[in-house]
């Protein structure tokens, strides 16, 4: 029980600190709300541009994007299932006197964070392409921080979401022989007229 209370105190302390910083200026308030709401979609859009901008012959980059899309879907499915099994009240509803929500949100389960799961899944999958994964990983961390800062998640929610995203990406990368045949090759044919040249 003492350990659980200790974890909750850390959760609450980090949440209140980030929420206070996000509320400190209009610029931070709007920036936090923007990243928290649209961060994963922004990452996905950049990945789509990367996919379409690269030549069909540069299929390692295109593979990484397709891996990211698959990892994000797996992460979202797992996160939704966990949320249906484990209900945790969002901070803004648990104690509205302490936490100021900067974005509107339904009072569904805050555990785990779908946004963090998707963002980390996209980022980790892009490491298949090389160093490009690092800026996306920084973006994923920013999404996770902003989800807490705007008051819709506890820190442990985004940590759990990040873990789900990382595991989803590793699953896709570890099973890439199967994934290449069923998903990657057909997608590359559709967009380039040719299949992949090798993993």
N, C-alpha and C. Protein backbone atom coordinates (compact mmCIF):
# COMPACT_ATOMS: atom_id res chain seq x y z
N UNK A 1 0.83 -1.20 0.00
CA UNK A 1 0.00 0.00 0.00
C UNK A 1 0.87 1.26 0.00
N UNK A 2 1.94 1.27 0.83
CA UNK A 2 2.83 2.42 0.89
C UNK A 2 3.48 2.67 -0.47
N UNK A 3 3.85 1.56 -1.14
CA UNK A 3 4.48 1.70 -2.46
C UNK A 3 3.50 2.29 -3.46
N UNK A 4 2.23 1.86 -3.40
CA UNK A 4 1.22 2.39 -4.31
C UNK A 4 0.98 3.88 -4.05
N UNK A 5 0.94 4.27 -2.77
CA UNK A 5 0.77 5.68 -2.44
C UNK A 5 1.96 6.50 -2.91
N UNK A 6 3.15 5.91 -2.80
CA UNK A 6 4.35 6.60 -3.26
C UNK A 6 4.33 6.85 -4.75
N UNK A 7 3.91 5.84 -5.51
CA UNK A 7 3.80 5.98 -6.96
C UNK A 7 2.78 7.04 -7.30
N UNK A 8 1.64 7.05 -6.59
CA UNK A 8 0.60 8.04 -6.85
C UNK A 8 1.11 9.45 -6.56
N UNK A 9 1.88 9.61 -5.49
CA UNK A 9 2.40 10.94 -5.15
C UNK A 9 3.34 11.45 -6.24
N UNK A 10 4.19 10.57 -6.75
CA UNK A 10 5.08 10.96 -7.84
C UNK A 10 4.27 11.31 -9.07
N UNK A 11 3.29 10.47 -9.39
CA UNK A 11 2.39 10.72 -10.52
C UNK A 11 1.75 12.10 -10.41
N UNK A 12 1.21 12.38 -9.24
CA UNK A 12 0.51 13.65 -9.02
C UNK A 12 1.47 14.83 -9.06
N UNK A 13 2.64 14.68 -8.45
CA UNK A 13 3.61 15.77 -8.42
C UNK A 13 4.07 16.16 -9.81
N UNK A 14 4.40 15.16 -10.63
CA UNK A 14 4.85 15.43 -12.00
C UNK A 14 3.72 16.05 -12.81
N UNK A 15 2.52 15.52 -12.65
CA UNK A 15 1.36 16.06 -13.36
C UNK A 15 1.13 17.53 -13.03
N UNK A 16 1.11 17.86 -11.74
CA UNK A 16 0.86 19.23 -11.32
C UNK A 16 1.95 20.18 -11.81
N UNK A 17 3.20 19.71 -11.79
CA UNK A 17 4.31 20.56 -12.24
C UNK A 17 4.19 20.87 -13.73
N UNK A 18 3.92 19.84 -14.55
CA UNK A 18 3.80 20.04 -15.99
C UNK A 18 2.56 20.86 -16.33
N UNK A 19 1.47 20.62 -15.63
CA UNK A 19 0.23 21.37 -15.88
C UNK A 19 0.44 22.84 -15.54
N UNK A 20 1.18 23.09 -14.48
CA UNK A 20 1.46 24.48 -14.09
C UNK A 20 2.30 25.18 -15.15
N UNK A 21 3.33 24.49 -15.67
CA UNK A 21 4.18 25.08 -16.70
C UNK A 21 3.37 25.37 -17.96
N UNK A 22 2.52 24.42 -18.37
CA UNK A 22 1.72 24.60 -19.57
C UNK A 22 0.76 25.78 -19.45
N UNK A 23 0.31 26.06 -18.23
CA UNK A 23 -0.64 27.16 -18.01
C UNK A 23 0.03 28.51 -17.79
N UNK A 24 1.38 28.50 -17.74
CA UNK A 24 2.10 29.70 -17.31
C UNK A 24 2.02 30.84 -18.31
N UNK A 25 1.99 30.53 -19.60
CA UNK A 25 1.89 31.58 -20.62
C UNK A 25 0.92 31.13 -21.71
N UNK A 26 0.28 32.06 -22.40
CA UNK A 26 -0.62 31.69 -23.51
C UNK A 26 0.09 30.87 -24.59
N UNK A 27 1.37 31.21 -24.86
CA UNK A 27 2.12 30.49 -25.89
C UNK A 27 2.28 29.02 -25.52
N UNK A 28 2.71 28.75 -24.28
CA UNK A 28 2.88 27.36 -23.85
C UNK A 28 1.54 26.64 -23.78
N UNK A 29 0.52 27.34 -23.35
CA UNK A 29 -0.82 26.74 -23.27
C UNK A 29 -1.27 26.26 -24.66
N UNK A 30 -1.16 27.12 -25.66
CA UNK A 30 -1.62 26.77 -27.00
C UNK A 30 -0.71 25.73 -27.66
N UNK A 31 0.60 25.86 -27.43
CA UNK A 31 1.54 24.91 -28.01
C UNK A 31 1.33 23.52 -27.42
N UNK A 32 1.14 23.44 -26.10
CA UNK A 32 0.91 22.16 -25.44
C UNK A 32 -0.38 21.51 -25.94
N UNK A 33 -1.42 22.32 -26.07
CA UNK A 33 -2.70 21.80 -26.54
C UNK A 33 -2.58 21.30 -27.97
N UNK A 34 -1.84 22.03 -28.80
CA UNK A 34 -1.68 21.63 -30.21
C UNK A 34 -0.93 20.31 -30.32
N UNK A 35 0.20 20.20 -29.62
CA UNK A 35 0.99 18.97 -29.68
C UNK A 35 0.23 17.80 -29.07
N UNK A 36 -0.42 18.04 -27.94
CA UNK A 36 -1.16 16.97 -27.26
C UNK A 36 -2.30 16.44 -28.12
N UNK A 37 -2.93 17.32 -28.89
CA UNK A 37 -4.08 16.92 -29.69
C UNK A 37 -3.69 16.33 -31.03
N UNK A 38 -2.73 16.98 -31.70
CA UNK A 38 -2.42 16.61 -33.09
C UNK A 38 -1.02 16.06 -33.29
N UNK A 39 -0.27 15.81 -32.22
CA UNK A 39 1.10 15.33 -32.35
C UNK A 39 1.25 14.06 -33.19
N UNK A 40 0.55 12.98 -32.85
CA UNK A 40 0.69 11.76 -33.64
C UNK A 40 0.26 11.93 -35.09
N UNK A 41 -0.81 12.72 -35.31
CA UNK A 41 -1.26 12.97 -36.68
C UNK A 41 -0.20 13.74 -37.46
N UNK A 42 0.46 14.68 -36.79
CA UNK A 42 1.54 15.43 -37.44
C UNK A 42 2.70 14.52 -37.81
N UNK A 43 3.05 13.61 -36.90
CA UNK A 43 4.12 12.66 -37.19
C UNK A 43 3.75 11.76 -38.37
N UNK A 44 2.51 11.30 -38.39
CA UNK A 44 2.05 10.45 -39.49
C UNK A 44 2.06 11.20 -40.82
N UNK A 45 1.68 12.48 -40.78
CA UNK A 45 1.70 13.28 -42.01
C UNK A 45 3.11 13.45 -42.54
N UNK A 46 4.06 13.71 -41.65
CA UNK A 46 5.46 13.84 -42.08
C UNK A 46 5.94 12.53 -42.68
N UNK A 47 5.57 11.42 -42.07
CA UNK A 47 5.97 10.11 -42.59
C UNK A 47 5.37 9.87 -43.97
N UNK A 48 4.13 10.30 -44.17
CA UNK A 48 3.49 10.15 -45.48
C UNK A 48 4.23 10.96 -46.54
N UNK A 49 4.64 12.17 -46.17
CA UNK A 49 5.41 13.01 -47.10
C UNK A 49 6.75 12.35 -47.43
N UNK A 50 7.40 11.80 -46.41
CA UNK A 50 8.67 11.09 -46.62
C UNK A 50 8.46 9.93 -47.58
N UNK A 51 7.41 9.20 -47.39
CA UNK A 51 7.11 8.04 -48.23
C UNK A 51 6.93 8.47 -49.69
N UNK A 52 6.11 9.50 -49.89
CA UNK A 52 5.78 9.93 -51.25
C UNK A 52 6.93 10.67 -51.92
N UNK A 53 7.79 11.31 -51.12
CA UNK A 53 8.88 12.12 -51.68
C UNK A 53 10.07 11.28 -52.12
N UNK A 54 10.23 10.10 -51.56
CA UNK A 54 11.39 9.29 -51.90
C UNK A 54 11.15 8.47 -53.16
N UNK A 55 12.22 8.26 -53.88
CA UNK A 55 12.13 7.48 -55.12
C UNK A 55 11.74 6.04 -54.80
N UNK A 56 11.00 5.39 -55.71
CA UNK A 56 10.64 3.98 -55.50
C UNK A 56 11.85 3.09 -55.25
N UNK A 57 13.01 3.47 -55.83
CA UNK A 57 14.21 2.65 -55.62
C UNK A 57 14.73 2.73 -54.18
N UNK A 58 14.37 3.80 -53.48
CA UNK A 58 14.81 3.97 -52.09
C UNK A 58 13.79 3.31 -51.17
N UNK A 59 13.66 1.99 -51.30
CA UNK A 59 12.55 1.33 -50.62
C UNK A 59 12.84 1.03 -49.15
N UNK A 60 14.08 1.22 -48.67
CA UNK A 60 14.32 1.03 -47.24
C UNK A 60 13.60 2.12 -46.44
N UNK A 61 13.64 3.34 -46.96
CA UNK A 61 12.89 4.44 -46.33
C UNK A 61 11.40 4.14 -46.36
N UNK A 62 10.91 3.70 -47.53
CA UNK A 62 9.49 3.42 -47.66
C UNK A 62 9.06 2.26 -46.77
N UNK A 63 9.91 1.27 -46.63
CA UNK A 63 9.62 0.16 -45.72
C UNK A 63 9.44 0.68 -44.30
N UNK A 64 10.37 1.54 -43.87
CA UNK A 64 10.31 2.06 -42.50
C UNK A 64 8.98 2.74 -42.24
N UNK A 65 8.49 3.51 -43.21
CA UNK A 65 7.21 4.18 -43.06
C UNK A 65 6.07 3.17 -42.95
N UNK A 66 6.12 2.13 -43.76
CA UNK A 66 5.07 1.11 -43.71
C UNK A 66 5.14 0.34 -42.39
N UNK A 67 6.36 0.09 -41.90
CA UNK A 67 6.50 -0.54 -40.59
C UNK A 67 5.88 0.35 -39.51
N UNK A 68 6.12 1.66 -39.62
CA UNK A 68 5.57 2.59 -38.65
C UNK A 68 4.05 2.57 -38.64
N UNK A 69 3.46 2.52 -39.83
CA UNK A 69 2.00 2.48 -39.92
C UNK A 69 1.45 1.22 -39.27
N UNK A 70 2.09 0.09 -39.55
CA UNK A 70 1.64 -1.17 -38.95
C UNK A 70 1.80 -1.18 -37.45
N UNK A 71 2.94 -0.66 -36.98
CA UNK A 71 3.19 -0.61 -35.54
C UNK A 71 2.18 0.29 -34.85
N UNK A 72 1.83 1.42 -35.48
CA UNK A 72 0.86 2.33 -34.89
C UNK A 72 -0.51 1.68 -34.76
N UNK A 73 -0.90 0.92 -35.77
CA UNK A 73 -2.20 0.23 -35.73
C UNK A 73 -2.22 -0.80 -34.61
N UNK A 74 -1.14 -1.60 -34.51
CA UNK A 74 -1.05 -2.61 -33.45
C UNK A 74 -1.09 -1.93 -32.08
N UNK A 75 -0.32 -0.85 -31.93
CA UNK A 75 -0.27 -0.14 -30.65
C UNK A 75 -1.63 0.41 -30.26
N UNK A 76 -2.35 0.97 -31.22
CA UNK A 76 -3.67 1.53 -30.93
C UNK A 76 -4.65 0.44 -30.51
N UNK A 77 -4.63 -0.69 -31.20
CA UNK A 77 -5.53 -1.80 -30.85
C UNK A 77 -5.26 -2.28 -29.43
N UNK A 78 -3.98 -2.49 -29.11
CA UNK A 78 -3.62 -2.96 -27.76
C UNK A 78 -4.01 -1.93 -26.71
N UNK A 79 -3.75 -0.65 -27.01
CA UNK A 79 -4.08 0.41 -26.06
C UNK A 79 -5.58 0.49 -25.80
N UNK A 80 -6.37 0.37 -26.85
CA UNK A 80 -7.83 0.43 -26.70
C UNK A 80 -8.32 -0.76 -25.87
N UNK A 81 -7.76 -1.92 -26.11
CA UNK A 81 -8.16 -3.11 -25.33
C UNK A 81 -7.82 -2.92 -23.86
N UNK A 82 -6.61 -2.44 -23.58
CA UNK A 82 -6.21 -2.20 -22.19
C UNK A 82 -7.12 -1.16 -21.53
N UNK A 83 -7.47 -0.13 -22.29
CA UNK A 83 -8.35 0.89 -21.75
C UNK A 83 -9.74 0.37 -21.42
N UNK A 84 -10.19 -0.62 -22.22
CA UNK A 84 -11.49 -1.22 -21.97
C UNK A 84 -11.46 -2.13 -20.74
N UNK A 85 -10.29 -2.70 -20.46
CA UNK A 85 -10.16 -3.63 -19.33
C UNK A 85 -9.82 -2.92 -18.02
N UNK A 86 -9.10 -1.79 -18.12
CA UNK A 86 -8.63 -1.08 -16.93
C UNK A 86 -9.13 0.35 -16.99
N UNK A 87 -10.06 0.71 -16.11
CA UNK A 87 -10.54 2.08 -16.10
C UNK A 87 -9.77 2.90 -15.07
N UNK A 88 -9.28 4.02 -15.52
CA UNK A 88 -8.61 4.96 -14.63
C UNK A 88 -9.13 6.36 -14.95
N UNK A 89 -9.62 7.04 -13.95
CA UNK A 89 -10.21 8.35 -14.19
C UNK A 89 -9.14 9.37 -14.59
N UNK A 90 -9.49 10.20 -15.55
CA UNK A 90 -8.56 11.21 -16.01
C UNK A 90 -8.34 12.26 -14.93
N UNK A 91 -7.14 12.86 -14.90
CA UNK A 91 -6.81 13.82 -13.84
C UNK A 91 -7.81 14.97 -13.73
N UNK A 92 -8.25 15.47 -14.87
CA UNK A 92 -9.16 16.63 -14.85
C UNK A 92 -10.48 16.30 -14.16
N UNK A 93 -10.88 15.02 -14.18
CA UNK A 93 -12.11 14.61 -13.52
C UNK A 93 -11.85 14.11 -12.10
N UNK A 94 -10.65 13.59 -11.87
CA UNK A 94 -10.32 13.07 -10.54
C UNK A 94 -10.27 14.20 -9.52
N UNK A 95 -9.69 15.33 -9.91
CA UNK A 95 -9.64 16.48 -9.00
C UNK A 95 -9.54 17.77 -9.81
N UNK A 96 -10.67 18.29 -10.28
CA UNK A 96 -10.66 19.51 -11.11
C UNK A 96 -10.16 20.74 -10.37
N UNK A 97 -10.10 20.68 -9.03
CA UNK A 97 -9.58 21.83 -8.28
C UNK A 97 -8.08 21.95 -8.42
N UNK A 98 -7.40 20.84 -8.64
CA UNK A 98 -5.95 20.85 -8.75
C UNK A 98 -5.47 20.91 -10.20
N UNK A 99 -6.18 20.23 -11.09
CA UNK A 99 -5.74 20.10 -12.47
C UNK A 99 -6.63 20.91 -13.39
N UNK A 100 -6.03 21.71 -14.22
CA UNK A 100 -6.76 22.49 -15.22
C UNK A 100 -6.59 21.83 -16.58
N UNK A 101 -7.67 21.31 -17.13
CA UNK A 101 -7.61 20.67 -18.44
C UNK A 101 -7.52 21.75 -19.52
N UNK A 102 -6.53 21.64 -20.39
CA UNK A 102 -6.33 22.64 -21.44
C UNK A 102 -6.95 22.22 -22.77
N UNK A 103 -7.42 20.98 -22.84
CA UNK A 103 -8.14 20.51 -24.02
C UNK A 103 -9.37 19.73 -23.54
N UNK A 104 -10.47 19.79 -24.26
CA UNK A 104 -11.65 19.03 -23.85
C UNK A 104 -11.44 17.53 -24.07
N UNK A 105 -12.00 16.73 -23.18
CA UNK A 105 -11.85 15.27 -23.32
C UNK A 105 -12.99 14.58 -22.59
N UNK A 106 -13.44 13.48 -23.17
CA UNK A 106 -14.47 12.67 -22.52
C UNK A 106 -13.89 11.99 -21.29
N UNK A 107 -14.75 11.62 -20.35
CA UNK A 107 -14.30 10.96 -19.13
C UNK A 107 -14.21 9.46 -19.33
N UNK A 108 -13.42 9.06 -20.35
CA UNK A 108 -13.15 7.64 -20.53
C UNK A 108 -11.84 7.31 -19.82
N UNK A 109 -11.39 6.07 -19.95
CA UNK A 109 -10.20 5.66 -19.21
C UNK A 109 -8.97 6.38 -19.73
N UNK A 110 -8.16 6.86 -18.82
CA UNK A 110 -6.93 7.54 -19.21
C UNK A 110 -5.77 6.57 -19.40
N UNK A 111 -5.97 5.31 -19.02
CA UNK A 111 -4.88 4.33 -19.06
C UNK A 111 -5.13 3.31 -20.18
N UNK A 112 -4.10 3.08 -21.03
CA UNK A 112 -2.89 3.89 -21.21
C UNK A 112 -3.16 5.01 -22.20
N UNK A 113 -2.17 5.79 -22.53
CA UNK A 113 -2.33 6.89 -23.48
C UNK A 113 -2.24 6.38 -24.91
N UNK A 114 -3.35 6.49 -25.65
CA UNK A 114 -3.34 6.09 -27.06
C UNK A 114 -2.36 6.94 -27.86
N UNK A 115 -2.34 8.24 -27.56
CA UNK A 115 -1.46 9.15 -28.29
C UNK A 115 0.01 8.76 -28.11
N UNK A 116 0.40 8.47 -26.89
CA UNK A 116 1.78 8.07 -26.64
C UNK A 116 2.09 6.74 -27.31
N UNK A 117 1.15 5.81 -27.27
CA UNK A 117 1.36 4.50 -27.90
C UNK A 117 1.61 4.66 -29.39
N UNK A 118 0.79 5.45 -30.06
CA UNK A 118 0.94 5.65 -31.51
C UNK A 118 2.25 6.38 -31.81
N UNK A 119 2.54 7.45 -31.07
CA UNK A 119 3.73 8.24 -31.34
C UNK A 119 5.01 7.42 -31.18
N UNK A 120 5.10 6.63 -30.12
CA UNK A 120 6.31 5.83 -29.90
C UNK A 120 6.40 4.67 -30.89
N UNK A 121 5.26 4.13 -31.29
CA UNK A 121 5.28 3.07 -32.30
C UNK A 121 5.84 3.60 -33.62
N UNK A 122 5.38 4.77 -34.03
CA UNK A 122 5.88 5.39 -35.26
C UNK A 122 7.38 5.65 -35.16
N UNK A 123 7.80 6.21 -34.04
CA UNK A 123 9.20 6.60 -33.89
C UNK A 123 10.14 5.40 -33.89
N UNK A 124 9.81 4.38 -33.10
CA UNK A 124 10.70 3.22 -32.99
C UNK A 124 10.79 2.48 -34.32
N UNK A 125 9.69 2.37 -35.04
CA UNK A 125 9.71 1.69 -36.33
C UNK A 125 10.62 2.39 -37.32
N UNK A 126 10.73 3.72 -37.23
CA UNK A 126 11.56 4.47 -38.18
C UNK A 126 13.05 4.23 -37.98
N UNK A 127 13.44 3.64 -36.85
CA UNK A 127 14.85 3.31 -36.67
C UNK A 127 15.31 2.25 -37.66
N UNK A 128 14.37 1.56 -38.29
CA UNK A 128 14.73 0.63 -39.36
C UNK A 128 15.43 1.38 -40.50
N UNK A 129 15.11 2.66 -40.66
CA UNK A 129 15.70 3.49 -41.71
C UNK A 129 17.02 4.11 -41.25
N UNK A 130 17.29 4.11 -39.95
CA UNK A 130 18.53 4.67 -39.44
C UNK A 130 18.28 5.83 -38.48
N UNK A 131 19.14 6.85 -38.56
CA UNK A 131 19.12 7.96 -37.61
C UNK A 131 17.82 8.75 -37.65
N UNK A 132 17.04 8.63 -38.71
CA UNK A 132 15.79 9.39 -38.83
C UNK A 132 14.84 9.10 -37.66
N UNK A 133 15.00 7.97 -37.01
CA UNK A 133 14.14 7.66 -35.88
C UNK A 133 14.32 8.62 -34.71
N UNK A 134 15.51 9.23 -34.60
CA UNK A 134 15.78 10.08 -33.43
C UNK A 134 14.88 11.32 -33.35
N UNK A 135 14.73 12.10 -34.42
CA UNK A 135 13.81 13.25 -34.30
C UNK A 135 12.37 12.83 -34.04
N UNK A 136 11.97 11.70 -34.58
CA UNK A 136 10.62 11.22 -34.32
C UNK A 136 10.48 10.75 -32.87
N UNK A 137 11.56 10.18 -32.33
CA UNK A 137 11.52 9.76 -30.92
C UNK A 137 11.41 10.99 -30.02
N UNK A 138 12.12 12.07 -30.37
CA UNK A 138 12.00 13.32 -29.62
C UNK A 138 10.57 13.84 -29.70
N UNK A 139 9.96 13.72 -30.89
CA UNK A 139 8.57 14.12 -31.04
C UNK A 139 7.63 13.30 -30.19
N UNK A 140 7.90 12.01 -30.09
CA UNK A 140 7.06 11.13 -29.27
C UNK A 140 7.14 11.51 -27.80
N UNK A 141 8.36 11.81 -27.33
CA UNK A 141 8.51 12.26 -25.94
C UNK A 141 7.74 13.57 -25.71
N UNK A 142 7.78 14.46 -26.70
CA UNK A 142 7.07 15.73 -26.57
C UNK A 142 5.56 15.51 -26.51
N UNK A 143 5.06 14.60 -27.32
CA UNK A 143 3.63 14.27 -27.28
C UNK A 143 3.25 13.75 -25.89
N UNK A 144 4.07 12.85 -25.36
CA UNK A 144 3.79 12.27 -24.05
C UNK A 144 3.78 13.34 -22.96
N UNK A 145 4.77 14.22 -22.98
CA UNK A 145 4.84 15.31 -21.99
C UNK A 145 3.62 16.23 -22.09
N UNK A 146 3.24 16.56 -23.32
CA UNK A 146 2.11 17.47 -23.50
C UNK A 146 0.79 16.85 -23.10
N UNK A 147 0.64 15.53 -23.28
CA UNK A 147 -0.59 14.86 -22.85
C UNK A 147 -0.77 14.98 -21.34
N UNK A 148 0.34 14.94 -20.62
CA UNK A 148 0.29 15.15 -19.17
C UNK A 148 0.08 16.62 -18.85
N UNK A 149 0.80 17.48 -19.55
CA UNK A 149 0.76 18.91 -19.26
C UNK A 149 -0.64 19.50 -19.45
N UNK A 150 -1.39 19.00 -20.42
CA UNK A 150 -2.74 19.55 -20.66
C UNK A 150 -3.78 18.95 -19.72
N UNK A 151 -3.36 18.01 -18.88
CA UNK A 151 -4.25 17.50 -17.84
C UNK A 151 -5.16 16.35 -18.21
N UNK A 152 -4.86 15.65 -19.32
CA UNK A 152 -5.74 14.54 -19.71
C UNK A 152 -5.15 13.16 -19.39
N UNK A 153 -3.89 13.13 -18.92
CA UNK A 153 -3.26 11.85 -18.57
C UNK A 153 -2.39 12.01 -17.34
N UNK A 154 -2.29 10.95 -16.58
CA UNK A 154 -1.29 10.84 -15.53
C UNK A 154 0.04 10.44 -16.18
N UNK A 155 1.17 10.79 -15.58
CA UNK A 155 2.47 10.40 -16.15
C UNK A 155 2.58 8.89 -16.39
N UNK A 156 2.06 8.09 -15.48
CA UNK A 156 2.14 6.63 -15.67
C UNK A 156 1.31 6.16 -16.85
N UNK A 157 0.28 6.93 -17.24
CA UNK A 157 -0.50 6.59 -18.43
C UNK A 157 0.35 6.69 -19.69
N UNK A 158 1.13 7.77 -19.79
CA UNK A 158 1.93 7.94 -21.00
C UNK A 158 3.13 6.99 -20.99
N UNK A 159 3.63 6.65 -19.80
CA UNK A 159 4.69 5.64 -19.74
C UNK A 159 4.19 4.29 -20.23
N UNK A 160 2.98 3.93 -19.81
CA UNK A 160 2.38 2.68 -20.27
C UNK A 160 2.13 2.73 -21.77
N UNK A 161 1.62 3.87 -22.26
CA UNK A 161 1.39 4.02 -23.69
C UNK A 161 2.68 3.91 -24.48
N UNK A 162 3.75 4.55 -23.96
CA UNK A 162 5.05 4.46 -24.63
C UNK A 162 5.53 3.02 -24.70
N UNK A 163 5.36 2.27 -23.61
CA UNK A 163 5.76 0.87 -23.59
C UNK A 163 4.99 0.06 -24.62
N UNK A 164 3.70 0.32 -24.72
CA UNK A 164 2.87 -0.37 -25.72
C UNK A 164 3.38 -0.05 -27.12
N UNK A 165 3.68 1.22 -27.38
CA UNK A 165 4.16 1.62 -28.70
C UNK A 165 5.50 0.98 -29.05
N UNK A 166 6.42 0.98 -28.10
CA UNK A 166 7.74 0.39 -28.33
C UNK A 166 7.61 -1.10 -28.62
N UNK A 167 6.81 -1.80 -27.81
CA UNK A 167 6.64 -3.24 -28.01
C UNK A 167 5.95 -3.55 -29.34
N UNK A 168 4.99 -2.71 -29.73
CA UNK A 168 4.31 -2.91 -31.01
C UNK A 168 5.29 -2.77 -32.17
N UNK A 169 6.15 -1.75 -32.10
CA UNK A 169 7.14 -1.55 -33.15
C UNK A 169 8.14 -2.69 -33.20
N UNK A 170 8.60 -3.14 -32.04
CA UNK A 170 9.55 -4.26 -32.00
C UNK A 170 8.91 -5.53 -32.54
N UNK A 171 7.62 -5.72 -32.26
CA UNK A 171 6.91 -6.89 -32.79
C UNK A 171 6.89 -6.86 -34.31
N UNK A 172 6.59 -5.69 -34.89
CA UNK A 172 6.56 -5.58 -36.35
C UNK A 172 7.94 -5.83 -36.94
N UNK A 173 8.97 -5.25 -36.31
CA UNK A 173 10.33 -5.42 -36.83
C UNK A 173 10.83 -6.85 -36.67
N UNK A 174 10.43 -7.50 -35.58
CA UNK A 174 10.87 -8.88 -35.35
C UNK A 174 10.17 -9.87 -36.27
N UNK A 175 9.00 -9.51 -36.73
CA UNK A 175 8.24 -10.41 -37.63
C UNK A 175 8.23 -9.85 -39.05
N UNK A 176 9.31 -9.13 -39.43
CA UNK A 176 9.28 -8.44 -40.71
C UNK A 176 9.28 -9.37 -41.92
N UNK A 177 9.76 -10.61 -41.78
CA UNK A 177 9.67 -11.54 -42.91
C UNK A 177 8.21 -11.76 -43.30
N UNK A 178 7.38 -12.00 -42.30
CA UNK A 178 5.94 -12.17 -42.53
C UNK A 178 5.31 -10.86 -42.98
N UNK A 179 5.70 -9.78 -42.33
CA UNK A 179 5.13 -8.46 -42.63
C UNK A 179 5.49 -8.00 -44.04
N UNK A 180 6.73 -8.31 -44.46
CA UNK A 180 7.16 -7.96 -45.81
C UNK A 180 6.26 -8.61 -46.86
N UNK A 181 5.97 -9.89 -46.67
CA UNK A 181 5.21 -10.63 -47.68
C UNK A 181 3.75 -10.18 -47.72
N UNK A 182 3.15 -10.00 -46.55
CA UNK A 182 1.71 -9.73 -46.50
C UNK A 182 1.36 -8.26 -46.67
N UNK A 183 2.22 -7.36 -46.20
CA UNK A 183 1.87 -5.94 -46.18
C UNK A 183 2.81 -5.09 -47.05
N UNK A 184 4.12 -5.20 -46.79
CA UNK A 184 5.06 -4.28 -47.43
C UNK A 184 5.10 -4.46 -48.94
N UNK A 185 5.27 -5.69 -49.40
CA UNK A 185 5.38 -5.93 -50.84
C UNK A 185 4.15 -5.43 -51.61
N UNK A 186 2.92 -5.74 -51.17
CA UNK A 186 1.75 -5.22 -51.90
C UNK A 186 1.68 -3.69 -51.91
N UNK A 187 2.02 -3.06 -50.78
CA UNK A 187 1.95 -1.60 -50.73
C UNK A 187 2.98 -0.97 -51.66
N UNK A 188 4.20 -1.51 -51.69
CA UNK A 188 5.23 -0.98 -52.57
C UNK A 188 4.86 -1.17 -54.04
N UNK A 189 4.21 -2.28 -54.33
CA UNK A 189 3.77 -2.49 -55.72
C UNK A 189 2.73 -1.45 -56.12
N UNK A 190 1.82 -1.16 -55.21
CA UNK A 190 0.76 -0.19 -55.51
C UNK A 190 1.35 1.19 -55.79
N UNK A 191 2.35 1.60 -54.99
CA UNK A 191 2.88 2.95 -55.11
C UNK A 191 4.06 3.09 -56.06
N UNK A 192 4.69 1.98 -56.42
CA UNK A 192 5.86 2.11 -57.28
C UNK A 192 5.83 1.22 -58.50
N UNK A 193 4.92 0.25 -58.50
CA UNK A 193 4.85 -0.67 -59.62
C UNK A 193 5.81 -1.83 -59.49
N UNK A 194 6.62 -1.84 -58.41
CA UNK A 194 7.56 -2.92 -58.20
C UNK A 194 7.52 -3.34 -56.75
N UNK A 195 7.91 -4.56 -56.49
CA UNK A 195 7.97 -5.06 -55.13
C UNK A 195 9.26 -4.66 -54.46
N UNK A 196 9.45 -4.99 -53.18
CA UNK A 196 10.68 -4.67 -52.47
C UNK A 196 11.85 -5.44 -53.02
N UNK A 197 13.03 -4.88 -52.86
CA UNK A 197 14.22 -5.52 -53.40
C UNK A 197 14.97 -6.33 -52.36
N UNK A 198 14.48 -6.34 -51.14
CA UNK A 198 15.12 -7.11 -50.08
C UNK A 198 15.09 -6.39 -48.77
N UNK A 199 15.11 -7.16 -47.66
CA UNK A 199 15.00 -6.55 -46.33
C UNK A 199 16.33 -5.99 -45.91
